[in-house]
Amino acid sequence: MNIHLQHMLNALRLAEQGRETVSPNPMVGCIIAQDDRVMAQGFHQRAGEAHAEVCALQALTTSVEGGATMYVTLEPCCHHGRTPPCTTAIIKSGIKKIFVACLDPNPLVAGKGVAALRQAGIAVEIGLCESEAKHLNEVFFYSIQHRRPFVIAKWAMSLDGKTITHPADACAISGEPSLKHSHAWRACVDAILVGAKTACLDNPHLTVRYAEKIQKQPLRIVLTTRAELPSNLHLFDPTLPGKTLIVTTESSHHFPKNIEVCVMPKNENGKINLGELMHELDRREIRSVLVEGGMMTHHQFFQEKLVNKVHAYIAPVILGDLEQKQPLTQLSVSELGADKLMTAYLE
């Protein structure tokens, strides 16, 4: 494998370690190497803390005068934000060559970082692993370019297309591995959103619980047109970690003090204007939203073309009548062009 490619792929793997903690910033990894020898490495660990390039520079134990090269997965910043410009630190370090996977879409950077480095006499090559770097930060790129959050619609369903189970039968569709995977994704997003019906029927916590290490709790969002929700919901528990936001079209003062209420305008159908809500969440630097239901909430998001990605958990079970669900065994999947054929036996 090309040594430059190998270093950049390793930098991308480093960047991935910040997935749960860097938002609203992008994930970035950096490696400083001399030929095949890695001299230092770093990744952006948390918003407000040192960026990947600075972390790598701080980890250096030897001089870079022998011809070290930097590999970074995103264009170094050149502006003062929560931290000083990375370009300044790089220029001062004495590094003479940098591979940049892709340019930063943030208008505050957007090529200006590369220009500053080149003006200082540093050779910069752009585009190594560009598609991989953009895919890694698909949420950040979309949010910055469209000024609204990246929306993931998530649901669990049986092979006969049933997505609704009785609240007391929470495991009727999803198994434990799916549950853990779902919570792993909760840990990666900035907000989890449900409609009022789901909040009332399922009484969810909307927290990250099944994870090896819980780094943060996403914002919990509940949509309710009438601003009426039972006071005994778990979401109103003041000991629940994280914050809850009630989005409604009517102002209300009956919610607990620990709950924030956000009043949004109605659309032409009398429902919450999701477009305006997306702009409000963007203003709050919410980069990603996981929409967990229910059916009508999903329908509205799809209808208004606000969904970017789908997570559908399909279980090997025929629900039919909830009281007589039928497990399936020996499930196999075959690809038939764009379609998939699922074959299974009833137990």
C-alpha atoms as a PDB file:
ATOM      1  CA  MET A   1       0.000   0.000   0.000  1.00  0.00           C
ATOM      2  CA  ASN A   2       1.168   3.534  -0.803  1.00  0.00           C
ATOM      3  CA  ILE A   3       2.699   4.981   2.378  1.00  0.00           C
ATOM      4  CA  HIS A   4       0.801   8.273   2.018  1.00  0.00           C
ATOM      5  CA  LEU A   5      -2.484   6.388   1.664  1.00  0.00           C
ATOM      6  CA  GLN A   6      -1.678   4.261   4.692  1.00  0.00           C
ATOM      7  CA  HIS A   7      -1.007   7.299   6.883  1.00  0.00           C
ATOM      8  CA  MET A   8      -4.213   9.040   5.775  1.00  0.00           C
ATOM      9  CA  LEU A   9      -6.329   5.936   6.381  1.00  0.00           C
ATOM     10  CA  ASN A  10      -4.844   5.718   9.871  1.00  0.00           C
ATOM     11  CA  ALA A  11      -5.662   9.394  10.407  1.00  0.00           C
ATOM     12  CA  LEU A  12      -9.276   8.685   9.421  1.00  0.00           C
ATOM     13  CA  ARG A  13      -9.443   5.859  11.951  1.00  0.00           C
ATOM     14  CA  LEU A  14      -8.103   8.221  14.592  1.00  0.00           C
ATOM     15  CA  ALA A  15     -10.729  10.822  13.720  1.00  0.00           C
ATOM     16  CA  GLU A  16     -13.503   8.268  14.260  1.00  0.00           C
ATOM     17  CA  GLN A  17     -12.670   8.196  17.981  1.00  0.00           C
ATOM     18  CA  GLY A  18     -14.230  11.624  18.409  1.00  0.00           C
ATOM     19  CA  ARG A  19     -17.609  10.690  16.927  1.00  0.00           C
ATOM     20  CA  GLU A  20     -19.597  10.960  20.162  1.00  0.00           C
ATOM     21  CA  THR A  21     -17.969  14.076  21.582  1.00  0.00           C
ATOM     22  CA  VAL A  22     -16.855  16.614  18.961  1.00  0.00           C
ATOM     23  CA  SER A  23     -20.187  17.978  17.712  1.00  0.00           C
ATOM     24  CA  PRO A  24     -20.869  20.681  16.587  1.00  0.00           C
ATOM     25  CA  ASN A  25     -17.313  20.342  15.248  1.00  0.00           C
ATOM     26  CA  PRO A  26     -16.256  17.733  12.673  1.00  0.00           C
ATOM     27  CA  MET A  27     -14.216  14.622  13.448  1.00  0.00           C
ATOM     28  CA  VAL A  28     -10.566  15.159  12.517  1.00  0.00           C
ATOM     29  CA  GLY A  29      -7.487  12.967  12.785  1.00  0.00           C
ATOM     30  CA  CYS A  30      -3.853  13.899  12.184  1.00  0.00           C
ATOM     31  CA  ILE A  31      -0.606  11.982  11.789  1.00  0.00           C
ATOM     32  CA  ILE A  32       2.914  13.402  11.542  1.00  0.00           C
ATOM     33  CA  ALA A  33       5.317  10.979   9.873  1.00  0.00           C
ATOM     34  CA  GLN A  34       8.713  10.701   8.261  1.00  0.00           C
ATOM     35  CA  ASP A  35       8.482   8.123   5.486  1.00  0.00           C
ATOM     36  CA  ASP A  36       6.922   5.047   7.139  1.00  0.00           C
ATOM     37  CA  ARG A  37       7.728   6.131  10.706  1.00  0.00           C
ATOM     38  CA  VAL A  38       4.917   7.777  12.666  1.00  0.00           C
ATOM     39  CA  MET A  39       6.381  10.546  14.812  1.00  0.00           C
ATOM     40  CA  ALA A  40       3.156  11.742  16.463  1.00  0.00           C
ATOM     41  CA  GLN A  41      -0.590  11.548  16.096  1.00  0.00           C
ATOM     42  CA  GLY A  42      -3.719  13.125  17.497  1.00  0.00           C
ATOM     43  CA  PHE A  43      -7.437  13.574  16.998  1.00  0.00           C
ATOM     44  CA  HIS A  44     -10.003  16.180  17.961  1.00  0.00           C
ATOM     45  CA  GLN A  45     -11.490  14.840  21.188  1.00  0.00           C
ATOM     46  CA  ARG A  46     -14.119  17.368  22.238  1.00  0.00           C
ATOM     47  CA  ALA A  47     -15.584  20.670  21.057  1.00  0.00           C
ATOM     48  CA  GLY A  48     -13.696  23.535  22.666  1.00  0.00           C
ATOM     49  CA  GLU A  49     -10.527  21.486  23.138  1.00  0.00           C
ATOM     50  CA  ALA A  50      -7.406  21.303  20.966  1.00  0.00           C
ATOM     51  CA  HIS A  51      -7.859  20.333  17.327  1.00  0.00           C
ATOM     52  CA  ALA A  52      -6.238  17.231  15.847  1.00  0.00           C
ATOM     53  CA  GLU A  53      -3.285  19.076  14.303  1.00  0.00           C
ATOM     54  CA  VAL A  54      -2.388  20.772  17.591  1.00  0.00           C
ATOM     55  CA  CYS A  55      -2.777  17.486  19.500  1.00  0.00           C
ATOM     56  CA  ALA A  56      -0.341  15.819  17.092  1.00  0.00           C
ATOM     57  CA  LEU A  57       2.135  18.699  17.285  1.00  0.00           C
ATOM     58  CA  GLN A  58       2.006  18.621  21.084  1.00  0.00           C
ATOM     59  CA  ALA A  59       2.746  14.874  20.996  1.00  0.00           C
ATOM     60  CA  LEU A  60       5.974  15.372  19.020  1.00  0.00           C
ATOM     61  CA  THR A  61       9.099  14.364  20.903  1.00  0.00           C
ATOM     62  CA  THR A  62      11.606  15.011  18.099  1.00  0.00           C
ATOM     63  CA  SER A  63      12.266  17.830  15.649  1.00  0.00           C
ATOM     64  CA  VAL A  64      10.462  17.923  12.286  1.00  0.00           C
ATOM     65  CA  GLU A  65      13.463  19.472  10.546  1.00  0.00           C
ATOM     66  CA  GLY A  66      14.383  16.124   9.018  1.00  0.00           C
ATOM     67  CA  GLY A  67      11.477  16.325   6.595  1.00  0.00           C
ATOM     68  CA  ALA A  68       8.321  15.340   8.463  1.00  0.00           C
ATOM     69  CA  THR A  69       4.970  15.294   6.645  1.00  0.00           C
ATOM     70  CA  MET A  70       1.562  15.967   8.180  1.00  0.00           C
ATOM     71  CA  TYR A  71      -1.566  14.011   7.177  1.00  0.00           C
ATOM     72  CA  VAL A  72      -4.856  15.583   8.247  1.00  0.00           C
ATOM     73  CA  THR A  73      -8.385  14.478   7.370  1.00  0.00           C
ATOM     74  CA  LEU A  74      -9.843  17.994   7.079  1.00  0.00           C
ATOM     75  CA  GLU A  75      -8.444  21.368   6.080  1.00  0.00           C
ATOM     76  CA  PRO A  76      -6.787  23.096   9.068  1.00  0.00           C
ATOM     77  CA  CYS A  77      -8.762  26.032  10.447  1.00  0.00           C
ATOM     78  CA  CYS A  78      -7.429  29.557  10.013  1.00  0.00           C
ATOM     79  CA  HIS A  79      -9.788  31.540  12.249  1.00  0.00           C
ATOM     80  CA  HIS A  80     -10.197  32.205  15.959  1.00  0.00           C
ATOM     81  CA  GLY A  81     -13.132  30.188  17.322  1.00  0.00           C
ATOM     82  CA  ARG A  82     -13.197  28.227  20.563  1.00  0.00           C
ATOM     83  CA  THR A  83      -9.494  27.603  19.895  1.00  0.00           C
ATOM     84  CA  PRO A  84      -6.704  29.493  18.053  1.00  0.00           C
ATOM     85  CA  PRO A  85      -6.050  28.849  14.320  1.00  0.00           C
ATOM     86  CA  CYS A  86      -4.378  25.519  13.564  1.00  0.00           C
ATOM     87  CA  THR A  87      -2.596  27.066  10.584  1.00  0.00           C
ATOM     88  CA  THR A  88      -0.583  29.287  12.930  1.00  0.00           C
ATOM     89  CA  ALA A  89       0.612  26.296  14.964  1.00  0.00           C
ATOM     90  CA  ILE A  90       1.495  24.326  11.821  1.00  0.00           C
ATOM     91  CA  ILE A  91       3.473  27.197  10.300  1.00  0.00           C
ATOM     92  CA  LYS A  92       5.406  27.698  13.545  1.00  0.00           C
ATOM     93  CA  SER A  93       6.192  23.966  13.778  1.00  0.00           C
ATOM     94  CA  GLY A  94       8.431  23.948  10.719  1.00  0.00           C
ATOM     95  CA  ILE A  95       6.518  21.254   8.834  1.00  0.00           C
ATOM     96  CA  LYS A  96       7.029  21.729   5.091  1.00  0.00           C
ATOM     97  CA  LYS A  97       4.498  19.335   3.541  1.00  0.00           C
ATOM     98  CA  ILE A  98       0.886  18.481   4.329  1.00  0.00           C
ATOM     99  CA  PHE A  99      -1.633  16.070   2.837  1.00  0.00           C
ATOM    100  CA  VAL A 100      -5.207  17.310   3.359  1.00  0.00           C
ATOM    101  CA  ALA A 101      -8.019  14.837   2.668  1.00  0.00           C
ATOM    102  CA  CYS A 102     -10.657  17.476   1.908  1.00  0.00           C
ATOM    103  CA  LEU A 103     -11.454  21.159   2.258  1.00  0.00           C
ATOM    104  CA  ASP A 104     -13.589  22.396   5.148  1.00  0.00           C
ATOM    105  CA  PRO A 105     -17.095  23.481   3.971  1.00  0.00           C
ATOM    106  CA  ASN A 106     -17.328  26.008   6.802  1.00  0.00           C
ATOM    107  CA  PRO A 107     -17.336  29.465   5.131  1.00  0.00           C
ATOM    108  CA  LEU A 108     -14.877  30.645   7.800  1.00  0.00           C
ATOM    109  CA  VAL A 109     -12.328  28.198   6.356  1.00  0.00           C
ATOM    110  CA  ALA A 110     -13.326  26.895   2.877  1.00  0.00           C
ATOM    111  CA  GLY A 111      -9.883  26.991   1.261  1.00  0.00           C
ATOM    112  CA  LYS A 112      -8.507  29.844   3.350  1.00  0.00           C
ATOM    113  CA  GLY A 113      -6.591  27.444   5.590  1.00  0.00           C
ATOM    114  CA  VAL A 114      -4.800  25.846   2.646  1.00  0.00           C
ATOM    115  CA  ALA A 115      -4.092  29.291   1.179  1.00  0.00           C
ATOM    116  CA  ALA A 116      -2.482  30.439   4.444  1.00  0.00           C
ATOM    117  CA  LEU A 117      -0.266  27.352   4.568  1.00  0.00           C
ATOM    118  CA  ARG A 118       0.846  27.724   0.970  1.00  0.00           C
ATOM    119  CA  GLN A 119       1.539  31.400   1.467  1.00  0.00           C
ATOM    120  CA  ALA A 120       3.881  30.386   4.298  1.00  0.00           C
ATOM    121  CA  GLY A 121       5.794  28.136   1.911  1.00  0.00           C
ATOM    122  CA  ILE A 122       4.252  24.822   2.947  1.00  0.00           C
ATOM    123  CA  ALA A 123       3.514  22.331   0.160  1.00  0.00           C
ATOM    124  CA  VAL A 124      -0.123  21.217   0.402  1.00  0.00           C
ATOM    125  CA  GLU A 125      -1.712  18.318  -1.478  1.00  0.00           C
ATOM    126  CA  ILE A 126      -5.514  18.010  -1.371  1.00  0.00           C
ATOM    127  CA  GLY A 127      -7.727  15.019  -2.112  1.00  0.00           C
ATOM    128  CA  LEU A 128      -6.055  11.939  -0.627  1.00  0.00           C
ATOM    129  CA  CYS A 129      -8.979   9.819   0.693  1.00  0.00           C
ATOM    130  CA  GLU A 130     -11.351  12.703  -0.032  1.00  0.00           C
ATOM    131  CA  SER A 131     -14.494  10.573  -0.426  1.00  0.00           C
ATOM    132  CA  GLU A 132     -13.757   8.642   2.783  1.00  0.00           C
ATOM    133  CA  ALA A 133     -13.157  11.879   4.686  1.00  0.00           C
ATOM    134  CA  LYS A 134     -16.400  13.434   3.448  1.00  0.00           C
ATOM    135  CA  HIS A 135     -18.353  10.287   4.279  1.00  0.00           C
ATOM    136  CA  LEU A 136     -16.891  10.257   7.794  1.00  0.00           C
ATOM    137  CA  ASN A 137     -18.198  13.776   8.336  1.00  0.00           C
ATOM    138  CA  GLU A 138     -21.399  13.487   6.279  1.00  0.00           C
ATOM    139  CA  VAL A 139     -23.396  15.008   9.136  1.00  0.00           C
ATOM    140  CA  PHE A 140     -21.098  18.023   9.472  1.00  0.00           C
ATOM    141  CA  PHE A 141     -20.888  18.629   5.720  1.00  0.00           C
ATOM    142  CA  TYR A 142     -24.667  18.462   5.253  1.00  0.00           C
ATOM    143  CA  SER A 143     -25.431  20.640   8.265  1.00  0.00           C
ATOM    144  CA  ILE A 144     -22.958  23.340   7.241  1.00  0.00           C
ATOM    145  CA  GLN A 145     -23.967  23.365   3.570  1.00  0.00           C
ATOM    146  CA  HIS A 146     -27.754  23.244   4.089  1.00  0.00           C
ATOM    147  CA  ARG A 147     -28.032  25.120   7.396  1.00  0.00           C
ATOM    148  CA  ARG A 148     -30.181  22.415   8.981  1.00  0.00           C
ATOM    149  CA  PRO A 149     -29.544  19.164  10.859  1.00  0.00           C
ATOM    150  CA  PHE A 150     -28.843  15.824   9.211  1.00  0.00           C
ATOM    151  CA  VAL A 151     -31.956  13.733   9.933  1.00  0.00           C
ATOM    152  CA  ILE A 152     -31.946   9.969  10.511  1.00  0.00           C
ATOM    153  CA  ALA A 153     -35.323   8.184  10.604  1.00  0.00           C
ATOM    154  CA  LYS A 154     -35.191   5.052  12.732  1.00  0.00           C
ATOM    155  CA  TRP A 155     -37.695   2.281  13.320  1.00  0.00           C
ATOM    156  CA  ALA A 156     -37.907  -1.450  14.021  1.00  0.00           C
ATOM    157  CA  MET A 157     -40.185  -3.686  11.986  1.00  0.00           C
ATOM    158  CA  SER A 158     -41.169  -7.293  11.517  1.00  0.00           C
ATOM    159  CA  LEU A 159     -41.008  -9.139   8.202  1.00  0.00           C
ATOM    160  CA  ASP A 160     -44.723  -8.509   7.693  1.00  0.00           C
ATOM    161  CA  GLY A 161     -44.141  -4.769   7.987  1.00  0.00           C
ATOM    162  CA  LYS A 162     -45.461  -4.190  11.512  1.00  0.00           C
ATOM    163  CA  THR A 163     -43.738  -1.348  13.331  1.00  0.00           C
ATOM    164  CA  ILE A 164     -46.004  -0.821  16.329  1.00  0.00           C
ATOM    165  CA  THR A 165     -45.881  -3.012  19.416  1.00  0.00           C
ATOM    166  CA  HIS A 166     -47.657  -2.746  22.723  1.00  0.00           C
ATOM    167  CA  PRO A 167     -45.672  -0.626  25.223  1.00  0.00           C
ATOM    168  CA  ALA A 168     -45.465  -3.587  27.589  1.00  0.00           C
ATOM    169  CA  ASP A 169     -43.980  -5.722  24.801  1.00  0.00           C
ATOM    170  CA  ALA A 170     -40.904  -3.630  24.038  1.00  0.00           C
ATOM    171  CA  CYS A 171     -38.888  -6.573  22.727  1.00  0.00           C
ATOM    172  CA  ALA A 172     -41.610  -7.860  20.379  1.00  0.00           C
ATOM    173  CA  ILE A 173     -39.578  -6.717  17.388  1.00  0.00           C
ATOM    174  CA  SER A 174     -36.015  -5.779  18.282  1.00  0.00           C
ATOM    175  CA  GLY A 175     -33.552  -8.126  19.933  1.00  0.00           C
ATOM    176  CA  GLU A 176     -30.787  -7.133  22.346  1.00  0.00           C
ATOM    177  CA  PRO A 177     -28.081  -6.628  19.659  1.00  0.00           C
ATOM    178  CA  SER A 178     -30.386  -4.244  17.778  1.00  0.00           C
ATOM    179  CA  LEU A 179     -31.181  -2.435  21.013  1.00  0.00           C
ATOM    180  CA  LYS A 180     -27.479  -1.954  21.761  1.00  0.00           C
ATOM    181  CA  HIS A 181     -26.819  -0.782  18.199  1.00  0.00           C
ATOM    182  CA  SER A 182     -29.697   1.688  18.462  1.00  0.00           C
ATOM    183  CA  HIS A 183     -28.293   3.134  21.680  1.00  0.00           C
ATOM    184  CA  ALA A 184     -24.835   3.337  20.138  1.00  0.00           C
ATOM    185  CA  TRP A 185     -26.345   5.571  17.465  1.00  0.00           C
ATOM    186  CA  ARG A 186     -28.179   7.625  20.073  1.00  0.00           C
ATOM    187  CA  ALA A 187     -24.773   8.351  21.556  1.00  0.00           C
ATOM    188  CA  CYS A 188     -23.598   9.741  18.212  1.00  0.00           C
ATOM    189  CA  VAL A 189     -26.417  12.210  17.497  1.00  0.00           C
ATOM    190  CA  ASP A 190     -27.149  15.623  18.957  1.00  0.00           C
ATOM    191  CA  ALA A 191     -30.886  15.118  19.429  1.00  0.00           C
ATOM    192  CA  ILE A 192     -33.565  12.398  19.568  1.00  0.00           C
ATOM    193  CA  LEU A 193     -37.063  13.355  18.437  1.00  0.00           C
ATOM    194  CA  VAL A 194     -40.463  11.721  18.948  1.00  0.00           C
ATOM    195  CA  GLY A 195     -44.076  12.773  18.560  1.00  0.00           C
ATOM    196  CA  ALA A 196     -46.485  13.291  21.445  1.00  0.00           C
ATOM    197  CA  LYS A 197     -48.290   9.976  20.819  1.00  0.00           C
ATOM    198  CA  THR A 198     -45.062   7.997  21.132  1.00  0.00           C
ATOM    199  CA  ALA A 199     -44.120   9.954  24.256  1.00  0.00           C
ATOM    200  CA  CYS A 200     -47.475   9.135  25.866  1.00  0.00           C
ATOM    201  CA  LEU A 201     -47.885   5.489  24.781  1.00  0.00           C
ATOM    202  CA  ASP A 202     -44.295   4.301  25.189  1.00  0.00           C
ATOM    203  CA  ASN A 203     -43.259   6.708  27.971  1.00  0.00           C
ATOM    204  CA  PRO A 204     -39.615   6.518  26.803  1.00  0.00           C
ATOM    205  CA  HIS A 205     -36.532   7.910  28.533  1.00  0.00           C
ATOM    206  CA  LEU A 206     -34.836   8.793  25.214  1.00  0.00           C
ATOM    207  CA  THR A 207     -31.423   8.435  26.826  1.00  0.00           C
ATOM    208  CA  VAL A 208     -28.253   6.510  26.035  1.00  0.00           C
ATOM    209  CA  ARG A 209     -28.152   3.512  28.363  1.00  0.00           C
ATOM    210  CA  TYR A 210     -26.752   0.470  26.539  1.00  0.00           C
ATOM    211  CA  ALA A 211     -23.273   1.750  25.740  1.00  0.00           C
ATOM    212  CA  GLU A 212     -19.802   0.787  26.926  1.00  0.00           C
ATOM    213  CA  LYS A 213     -18.980   4.355  27.892  1.00  0.00           C
ATOM    214  CA  ILE A 214     -21.603   7.098  27.931  1.00  0.00           C
ATOM    215  CA  GLN A 215     -19.912  10.323  26.801  1.00  0.00           C
ATOM    216  CA  LYS A 216     -23.002  12.533  26.516  1.00  0.00           C
ATOM    217  CA  GLN A 217     -26.800  12.522  26.431  1.00  0.00           C
ATOM    218  CA  PRO A 218     -28.474  13.924  23.314  1.00  0.00           C
ATOM    219  CA  LEU A 219     -31.159  16.579  23.537  1.00  0.00           C
ATOM    220  CA  ARG A 220     -34.618  15.006  23.831  1.00  0.00           C
ATOM    221  CA  ILE A 221     -37.257  16.637  21.610  1.00  0.00           C
ATOM    222  CA  VAL A 222     -41.009  16.006  21.790  1.00  0.00           C
ATOM    223  CA  LEU A 223     -43.425  17.431  19.214  1.00  0.00           C
ATOM    224  CA  THR A 224     -46.884  18.293  20.545  1.00  0.00           C
ATOM    225  CA  THR A 225     -49.233  20.687  18.763  1.00  0.00           C
ATOM    226  CA  ARG A 226     -51.443  21.324  21.799  1.00  0.00           C
ATOM    227  CA  ALA A 227     -48.698  21.584  24.422  1.00  0.00           C
ATOM    228  CA  GLU A 228     -50.431  18.909  26.492  1.00  0.00           C
ATOM    229  CA  LEU A 229     -48.493  15.968  27.894  1.00  0.00           C
ATOM    230  CA  PRO A 230     -49.051  13.887  31.061  1.00  0.00           C
ATOM    231  CA  SER A 231     -46.994  15.139  33.978  1.00  0.00           C
ATOM    232  CA  ASN A 232     -45.861  11.625  34.942  1.00  0.00           C
ATOM    233  CA  LEU A 233     -43.773  11.004  31.813  1.00  0.00           C
ATOM    234  CA  HIS A 234     -40.184   9.853  32.327  1.00  0.00           C
ATOM    235  CA  LEU A 235     -39.110  12.784  30.138  1.00  0.00           C
ATOM    236  CA  PHE A 236     -40.132  15.176  32.920  1.00  0.00           C
ATOM    237  CA  ASP A 237     -38.058  13.428  35.591  1.00  0.00           C
ATOM    238  CA  PRO A 238     -35.640  16.086  36.930  1.00  0.00           C
ATOM    239  CA  THR A 239     -33.043  13.386  37.668  1.00  0.00           C
ATOM    240  CA  LEU A 240     -32.944  12.280  34.025  1.00  0.00           C
ATOM    241  CA  PRO A 241     -29.531  13.133  32.514  1.00  0.00           C
ATOM    242  CA  GLY A 242     -29.498  15.595  29.638  1.00  0.00           C
ATOM    243  CA  LYS A 243     -32.146  18.105  28.592  1.00  0.00           C
ATOM    244  CA  THR A 244     -35.690  17.884  27.231  1.00  0.00           C
ATOM    245  CA  LEU A 245     -37.178  20.316  24.719  1.00  0.00           C
ATOM    246  CA  ILE A 246     -40.941  20.455  24.140  1.00  0.00           C
ATOM    247  CA  VAL A 247     -41.748  21.836  20.688  1.00  0.00           C
ATOM    248  CA  THR A 248     -45.296  23.105  20.327  1.00  0.00           C
ATOM    249  CA  THR A 249     -47.440  25.665  18.518  1.00  0.00           C
ATOM    250  CA  GLU A 250     -48.957  27.060  21.718  1.00  0.00           C
ATOM    251  CA  SER A 251     -47.192  28.669  24.653  1.00  0.00           C
ATOM    252  CA  SER A 252     -47.606  26.827  27.929  1.00  0.00           C
ATOM    253  CA  HIS A 253     -46.521  27.256  31.526  1.00  0.00           C
ATOM    254  CA  HIS A 254     -47.687  23.921  32.937  1.00  0.00           C
ATOM    255  CA  PHE A 255     -44.477  22.019  32.145  1.00  0.00           C
ATOM    256  CA  PRO A 256     -41.885  21.469  34.915  1.00  0.00           C
ATOM    257  CA  LYS A 257     -39.201  24.123  35.357  1.00  0.00           C
ATOM    258  CA  ASN A 258     -36.483  21.773  34.113  1.00  0.00           C
ATOM    259  CA  ILE A 259     -38.221  21.529  30.713  1.00  0.00           C
ATOM    260  CA  GLU A 260     -37.626  24.044  27.928  1.00  0.00           C
ATOM    261  CA  VAL A 261     -40.575  24.932  25.701  1.00  0.00           C
ATOM    262  CA  CYS A 262     -40.043  26.122  22.138  1.00  0.00           C
ATOM    263  CA  VAL A 263     -43.042  27.607  20.292  1.00  0.00           C
ATOM    264  CA  MET A 264     -43.001  27.073  16.532  1.00  0.00           C
ATOM    265  CA  PRO A 265     -45.430  28.335  13.864  1.00  0.00           C
ATOM    266  CA  LYS A 266     -47.976  25.981  12.294  1.00  0.00           C
ATOM    267  CA  ASN A 267     -47.815  24.804   8.708  1.00  0.00           C
ATOM    268  CA  GLU A 268     -50.775  24.897   6.319  1.00  0.00           C
ATOM    269  CA  ASN A 269     -52.093  21.649   7.860  1.00  0.00           C
ATOM    270  CA  GLY A 270     -52.043  22.974  11.403  1.00  0.00           C
ATOM    271  CA  LYS A 271     -49.021  20.898  12.396  1.00  0.00           C
ATOM    272  CA  ILE A 272     -45.653  22.087  13.663  1.00  0.00           C
ATOM    273  CA  ASN A 273     -43.680  23.689  10.851  1.00  0.00           C
ATOM    274  CA  LEU A 274     -40.757  21.288  10.634  1.00  0.00           C
ATOM    275  CA  GLY A 275     -38.807  23.523   8.266  1.00  0.00           C
ATOM    276  CA  GLU A 276     -38.822  26.298  10.857  1.00  0.00           C
ATOM    277  CA  LEU A 277     -37.915  23.791  13.566  1.00  0.00           C
ATOM    278  CA  MET A 278     -34.908  22.643  11.530  1.00  0.00           C
ATOM    279  CA  HIS A 279     -33.729  26.252  11.253  1.00  0.00           C
ATOM    280  CA  GLU A 280     -34.136  26.694  15.008  1.00  0.00           C
ATOM    281  CA  LEU A 281     -32.133  23.539  15.711  1.00  0.00           C
ATOM    282  CA  ASP A 282     -29.433  24.723  13.315  1.00  0.00           C
ATOM    283  CA  ARG A 283     -29.280  27.985  15.258  1.00  0.00           C
ATOM    284  CA  ARG A 284     -28.639  25.875  18.373  1.00  0.00           C
ATOM    285  CA  GLU A 285     -25.814  24.038  16.541  1.00  0.00           C
ATOM    286  CA  ILE A 286     -27.727  20.756  16.498  1.00  0.00           C
ATOM    287  CA  ARG A 287     -25.993  18.915  13.656  1.00  0.00           C
ATOM    288  CA  SER A 288     -27.969  15.653  13.735  1.00  0.00           C
ATOM    289  CA  VAL A 289     -31.432  14.467  14.760  1.00  0.00           C
ATOM    290  CA  LEU A 290     -32.548  10.858  15.233  1.00  0.00           C
ATOM    291  CA  VAL A 291     -36.308  10.659  14.595  1.00  0.00           C
ATOM    292  CA  GLU A 292     -37.612   7.614  16.462  1.00  0.00           C
ATOM    293  CA  GLY A 293     -41.318   7.946  15.699  1.00  0.00           C
ATOM    294  CA  GLY A 294     -44.081   7.420  15.745  1.00  0.00           C
ATOM    295  CA  MET A 295     -45.643   6.697  12.394  1.00  0.00           C
ATOM    296  CA  MET A 296     -47.209  10.123  11.824  1.00  0.00           C
ATOM    297  CA  THR A 297     -44.026  11.921  12.854  1.00  0.00           C
ATOM    298  CA  HIS A 298     -42.012   9.822  10.422  1.00  0.00           C
ATOM    299  CA  HIS A 299     -44.621  10.481   7.729  1.00  0.00           C
ATOM    300  CA  GLN A 300     -44.381  14.250   8.166  1.00  0.00           C
ATOM    301  CA  PHE A 301     -40.584  14.220   7.990  1.00  0.00           C
ATOM    302  CA  PHE A 302     -40.642  12.101   4.829  1.00  0.00           C
ATOM    303  CA  GLN A 303     -43.438  14.158   3.302  1.00  0.00           C
ATOM    304  CA  GLU A 304     -41.458  17.364   3.791  1.00  0.00           C
ATOM    305  CA  LYS A 305     -38.304  15.699   2.397  1.00  0.00           C
ATOM    306  CA  LEU A 306     -36.307  16.282   5.570  1.00  0.00           C
ATOM    307  CA  VAL A 307     -34.945  12.740   6.023  1.00  0.00           C
ATOM    308  CA  ASN A 308     -31.343  12.105   4.967  1.00  0.00           C
ATOM    309  CA  LYS A 309     -30.802   8.552   6.169  1.00  0.00           C
ATOM    310  CA  VAL A 310     -32.818   5.559   7.347  1.00  0.00           C
ATOM    311  CA  HIS A 311     -32.047   2.987  10.050  1.00  0.00           C
ATOM    312  CA  ALA A 312     -34.583   0.154   9.724  1.00  0.00           C
ATOM    313  CA  TYR A 313     -34.188  -2.805  12.077  1.00  0.00           C
ATOM    314  CA  ILE A 314     -35.913  -5.816  10.495  1.00  0.00           C
ATOM    315  CA  ALA A 315     -36.486  -8.758  12.810  1.00  0.00           C
ATOM    316  CA  PRO A 316     -37.083 -12.401  11.789  1.00  0.00           C
ATOM    317  CA  VAL A 317     -40.606 -12.501  13.180  1.00  0.00           C
ATOM    318  CA  ILE A 318     -44.169 -12.353  11.829  1.00  0.00           C
ATOM    319  CA  LEU A 319     -46.229 -10.242  14.207  1.00  0.00           C
ATOM    320  CA  GLY A 320     -49.672 -10.539  12.649  1.00  0.00           C
ATOM    321  CA  ASP A 321     -51.774 -10.378  15.782  1.00  0.00           C
ATOM    322  CA  LEU A 322     -49.499  -9.122  18.552  1.00  0.00           C
ATOM    323  CA  GLU A 323     -50.778 -11.837  20.847  1.00  0.00           C
ATOM    324  CA  GLN A 324     -49.704 -14.557  18.388  1.00  0.00           C
ATOM    325  CA  LYS A 325     -46.400 -13.411  16.955  1.00  0.00           C
ATOM    326  CA  GLN A 326     -44.483 -16.146  15.138  1.00  0.00           C
ATOM    327  CA  PRO A 327     -40.660 -16.330  15.322  1.00  0.00           C
ATOM    328  CA  LEU A 328     -38.748 -17.302  12.192  1.00  0.00           C
ATOM    329  CA  THR A 329     -35.589 -19.378  11.815  1.00  0.00           C
ATOM    330  CA  GLN A 330     -32.934 -20.026   9.151  1.00  0.00           C
ATOM    331  CA  LEU A 331     -33.297 -16.548   7.717  1.00  0.00           C
ATOM    332  CA  SER A 332     -31.382 -15.965   4.481  1.00  0.00           C
ATOM    333  CA  VAL A 333     -31.120 -12.877   2.295  1.00  0.00           C
ATOM    334  CA  SER A 334     -30.602 -12.869  -1.474  1.00  0.00           C
ATOM    335  CA  GLU A 335     -30.000  -9.857  -3.683  1.00  0.00           C
ATOM    336  CA  LEU A 336     -32.240  -9.605  -6.755  1.00  0.00           C
ATOM    337  CA  GLY A 337     -31.088  -6.472  -8.511  1.00  0.00           C
ATOM    338  CA  ALA A 338     -32.136  -3.582  -6.295  1.00  0.00           C
ATOM    339  CA  ASP A 339     -34.476  -5.876  -4.329  1.00  0.00           C
ATOM    340  CA  LYS A 340     -33.728  -8.304  -1.520  1.00  0.00           C
ATOM    341  CA  LEU A 341     -35.424 -11.664  -1.056  1.00  0.00           C
ATOM    342  CA  MET A 342     -35.706 -12.812   2.551  1.00  0.00           C
ATOM    343  CA  THR A 343     -36.395 -16.496   3.089  1.00  0.00           C
ATOM    344  CA  ALA A 344     -37.147 -18.085   6.457  1.00  0.00           C
ATOM    345  CA  TYR A 345     -38.948 -20.969   8.174  1.00  0.00           C
ATOM    346  CA  LEU A 346     -41.598 -20.657  10.850  1.00  0.00           C
ATOM    347  CA  GLU A 347     -40.637 -22.282  14.126  1.00  0.00           C
END
